[in-house]
Amino acid sequence: MNIAITFRQMDATDAVKGYATDKVAKLQRFLRQPLKGQVTLSCQKTVHVAEVDVHAGGEHYHAHETSEDMYASIDKVIDKVEAQIRAARAKKKGQDRASDHLLPDMPDED
């Protein structure tokens, strides 16, 4: 697991860095392959922006969120990425089940 944190236009604090790292690391339980995460945290006046890119094998997930609190932005963006992962897993599971229950081809009637 490789997680990189980038701070833009704000001071880097160990508390925020640790919080973001812990939250992104929890996404690993939904993924089969080790994740590579890139977290970008920035602040423009009173707006705090959190952006997350997660790569796991051939899968890629991306989300960004803004709010007035950096911790809230991180929580919201992690929820978005988790929802994307769950949706992708459900879609793949549905495809697997659909292929298991395909009806045989019907012969042409001539």
C-alpha atoms as a PDB file:
ATOM      1  CA  MET A   1       0.000   0.000   0.000  1.00  0.00           C
ATOM      2  CA  ASN A   2       1.428   3.332  -1.090  1.00  0.00           C
ATOM      3  CA  ILE A   3      -0.315   6.565  -0.088  1.00  0.00           C
ATOM      4  CA  ALA A   4       1.045   9.992  -0.988  1.00  0.00           C
ATOM      5  CA  ILE A   5      -0.348  13.166   0.583  1.00  0.00           C
ATOM      6  CA  THR A   6       0.080  16.551  -1.113  1.00  0.00           C
ATOM      7  CA  PHE A   7      -0.741  19.848   0.589  1.00  0.00           C
ATOM      8  CA  ARG A   8      -1.467  22.895  -1.546  1.00  0.00           C
ATOM      9  CA  GLN A   9      -1.842  26.427  -0.247  1.00  0.00           C
ATOM     10  CA  MET A  10      -1.939  25.246   3.362  1.00  0.00           C
ATOM     11  CA  ASP A  11       0.399  24.118   6.110  1.00  0.00           C
ATOM     12  CA  ALA A  12       1.118  20.400   6.313  1.00  0.00           C
ATOM     13  CA  THR A  13       0.173  19.067   9.730  1.00  0.00           C
ATOM     14  CA  ASP A  14       0.808  15.582  11.054  1.00  0.00           C
ATOM     15  CA  ALA A  15      -2.765  15.364  12.362  1.00  0.00           C
ATOM     16  CA  VAL A  16      -4.386  15.952   8.955  1.00  0.00           C
ATOM     17  CA  LYS A  17      -1.798  13.791   7.181  1.00  0.00           C
ATOM     18  CA  GLY A  18      -2.378  10.903   9.599  1.00  0.00           C
ATOM     19  CA  TYR A  19      -6.154  11.254   9.374  1.00  0.00           C
ATOM     20  CA  ALA A  20      -6.147  11.180   5.557  1.00  0.00           C
ATOM     21  CA  THR A  21      -3.699   8.260   5.458  1.00  0.00           C
ATOM     22  CA  ASP A  22      -5.822   6.208   7.874  1.00  0.00           C
ATOM     23  CA  LYS A  23      -9.018   6.872   5.932  1.00  0.00           C
ATOM     24  CA  VAL A  24      -7.514   5.941   2.558  1.00  0.00           C
ATOM     25  CA  ALA A  25      -5.855   2.843   4.051  1.00  0.00           C
ATOM     26  CA  LYS A  26      -9.280   1.560   5.133  1.00  0.00           C
ATOM     27  CA  LEU A  27     -10.295   1.379   1.457  1.00  0.00           C
ATOM     28  CA  GLN A  28      -7.837  -1.513   1.043  1.00  0.00           C
ATOM     29  CA  ARG A  29     -10.358  -3.907   2.615  1.00  0.00           C
ATOM     30  CA  PHE A  30     -12.625  -3.419  -0.429  1.00  0.00           C
ATOM     31  CA  LEU A  31      -9.874  -4.045  -2.978  1.00  0.00           C
ATOM     32  CA  ARG A  32      -8.171  -7.288  -3.908  1.00  0.00           C
ATOM     33  CA  GLN A  33      -4.896  -5.786  -5.063  1.00  0.00           C
ATOM     34  CA  PRO A  34      -2.678  -3.366  -3.116  1.00  0.00           C
ATOM     35  CA  LEU A  35      -3.759   0.198  -3.569  1.00  0.00           C
ATOM     36  CA  LYS A  36      -1.765   3.224  -4.611  1.00  0.00           C
ATOM     37  CA  GLY A  37      -3.376   6.389  -3.345  1.00  0.00           C
ATOM     38  CA  GLN A  38      -2.797  10.039  -4.084  1.00  0.00           C
ATOM     39  CA  VAL A  39      -4.486  12.534  -1.765  1.00  0.00           C
ATOM     40  CA  THR A  40      -4.389  16.251  -2.529  1.00  0.00           C
ATOM     41  CA  LEU A  41      -5.533  18.637   0.182  1.00  0.00           C
ATOM     42  CA  SER A  42      -5.890  22.353  -0.470  1.00  0.00           C
ATOM     43  CA  CYS A  43      -7.444  25.411   1.073  1.00  0.00           C
ATOM     44  CA  GLN A  44      -8.780  28.495  -0.701  1.00  0.00           C
ATOM     45  CA  LYS A  45      -9.895  31.062   1.860  1.00  0.00           C
ATOM     46  CA  THR A  46     -12.630  29.224   3.814  1.00  0.00           C
ATOM     47  CA  VAL A  47     -13.116  26.348   1.356  1.00  0.00           C
ATOM     48  CA  HIS A  48     -11.241  23.131   2.067  1.00  0.00           C
ATOM     49  CA  VAL A  49     -10.812  20.748  -0.865  1.00  0.00           C
ATOM     50  CA  ALA A  50      -9.915  17.058  -0.667  1.00  0.00           C
ATOM     51  CA  GLU A  51      -9.166  15.067  -3.812  1.00  0.00           C
ATOM     52  CA  VAL A  52      -8.420  11.336  -3.869  1.00  0.00           C
ATOM     53  CA  ASP A  53      -7.094   9.073  -6.636  1.00  0.00           C
ATOM     54  CA  VAL A  54      -6.935   5.347  -5.927  1.00  0.00           C
ATOM     55  CA  HIS A  55      -5.345   2.765  -8.229  1.00  0.00           C
ATOM     56  CA  ALA A  56      -5.592  -0.953  -7.513  1.00  0.00           C
ATOM     57  CA  GLY A  57      -4.453  -3.182 -10.319  1.00  0.00           C
ATOM     58  CA  GLY A  58      -6.448  -2.147 -13.382  1.00  0.00           C
ATOM     59  CA  GLU A  59      -9.069  -0.304 -11.373  1.00  0.00           C
ATOM     60  CA  HIS A  60      -9.053   3.475 -10.907  1.00  0.00           C
ATOM     61  CA  TYR A  61     -11.271   5.581  -8.661  1.00  0.00           C
ATOM     62  CA  HIS A  62     -11.304   9.360  -8.324  1.00  0.00           C
ATOM     63  CA  ALA A  63     -13.353  11.838  -6.295  1.00  0.00           C
ATOM     64  CA  HIS A  64     -13.118  15.340  -4.891  1.00  0.00           C
ATOM     65  CA  GLU A  65     -15.113  17.164  -2.255  1.00  0.00           C
ATOM     66  CA  THR A  66     -15.268  20.642  -0.765  1.00  0.00           C
ATOM     67  CA  SER A  67     -16.518  21.906   2.577  1.00  0.00           C
ATOM     68  CA  GLU A  68     -15.669  24.425   5.277  1.00  0.00           C
ATOM     69  CA  ASP A  69     -13.779  21.805   7.352  1.00  0.00           C
ATOM     70  CA  MET A  70     -10.852  19.716   6.078  1.00  0.00           C
ATOM     71  CA  TYR A  71     -11.783  16.662   8.143  1.00  0.00           C
ATOM     72  CA  ALA A  72     -15.340  16.777   6.778  1.00  0.00           C
ATOM     73  CA  SER A  73     -13.992  17.074   3.226  1.00  0.00           C
ATOM     74  CA  ILE A  74     -11.797  14.008   3.772  1.00  0.00           C
ATOM     75  CA  ASP A  75     -14.717  12.018   5.207  1.00  0.00           C
ATOM     76  CA  LYS A  76     -16.997  12.945   2.307  1.00  0.00           C
ATOM     77  CA  VAL A  77     -14.436  12.153  -0.392  1.00  0.00           C
ATOM     78  CA  ILE A  78     -13.650   8.768   1.179  1.00  0.00           C
ATOM     79  CA  ASP A  79     -17.392   7.993   1.234  1.00  0.00           C
ATOM     80  CA  LYS A  80     -17.586   8.830  -2.482  1.00  0.00           C
ATOM     81  CA  VAL A  81     -14.638   6.592  -3.386  1.00  0.00           C
ATOM     82  CA  GLU A  82     -16.036   3.775  -1.248  1.00  0.00           C
ATOM     83  CA  ALA A  83     -19.386   4.087  -3.054  1.00  0.00           C
ATOM     84  CA  GLN A  84     -17.583   3.895  -6.411  1.00  0.00           C
ATOM     85  CA  ILE A  85     -15.745   0.751  -5.324  1.00  0.00           C
ATOM     86  CA  ARG A  86     -18.954  -0.868  -4.065  1.00  0.00           C
ATOM     87  CA  ALA A  87     -20.779   0.000  -7.286  1.00  0.00           C
ATOM     88  CA  ALA A  88     -17.976  -1.442  -9.406  1.00  0.00           C
ATOM     89  CA  ARG A  89     -17.964  -4.643  -7.340  1.00  0.00           C
ATOM     90  CA  ALA A  90     -21.751  -4.968  -7.585  1.00  0.00           C
ATOM     91  CA  LYS A  91     -21.621  -4.406 -11.335  1.00  0.00           C
ATOM     92  CA  LYS A  92     -18.892  -7.006 -11.762  1.00  0.00           C
ATOM     93  CA  LYS A  93     -20.759  -9.457  -9.537  1.00  0.00           C
ATOM     94  CA  GLY A  94     -23.896  -8.918 -11.610  1.00  0.00           C
ATOM     95  CA  GLN A  95     -21.974  -9.582 -14.809  1.00  0.00           C
ATOM     96  CA  ASP A  96     -20.548 -12.796 -13.375  1.00  0.00           C
ATOM     97  CA  ARG A  97     -23.991 -14.007 -12.345  1.00  0.00           C
ATOM     98  CA  ALA A  98     -25.523 -13.051 -15.665  1.00  0.00           C
ATOM     99  CA  SER A  99     -22.921 -15.039 -17.581  1.00  0.00           C
ATOM    100  CA  ASP A 100     -23.584 -18.091 -15.392  1.00  0.00           C
ATOM    101  CA  HIS A 101     -27.279 -18.140 -16.254  1.00  0.00           C
ATOM    102  CA  LEU A 102     -27.233 -17.457 -19.967  1.00  0.00           C
ATOM    103  CA  LEU A 103     -29.728 -19.419 -21.970  1.00  0.00           C
ATOM    104  CA  PRO A 104     -28.360 -21.564 -24.779  1.00  0.00           C
ATOM    105  CA  ASP A 105     -28.708 -20.163 -28.262  1.00  0.00           C
ATOM    106  CA  MET A 106     -31.976 -21.026 -29.908  1.00  0.00           C
ATOM    107  CA  PRO A 107     -31.670 -22.783 -33.279  1.00  0.00           C
ATOM    108  CA  ASP A 108     -32.920 -20.887 -36.283  1.00  0.00           C
ATOM    109  CA  GLU A 109     -36.248 -22.126 -37.618  1.00  0.00           C
ATOM    110  CA  ASP A 110     -36.215 -22.464 -41.402  1.00  0.00           C
END
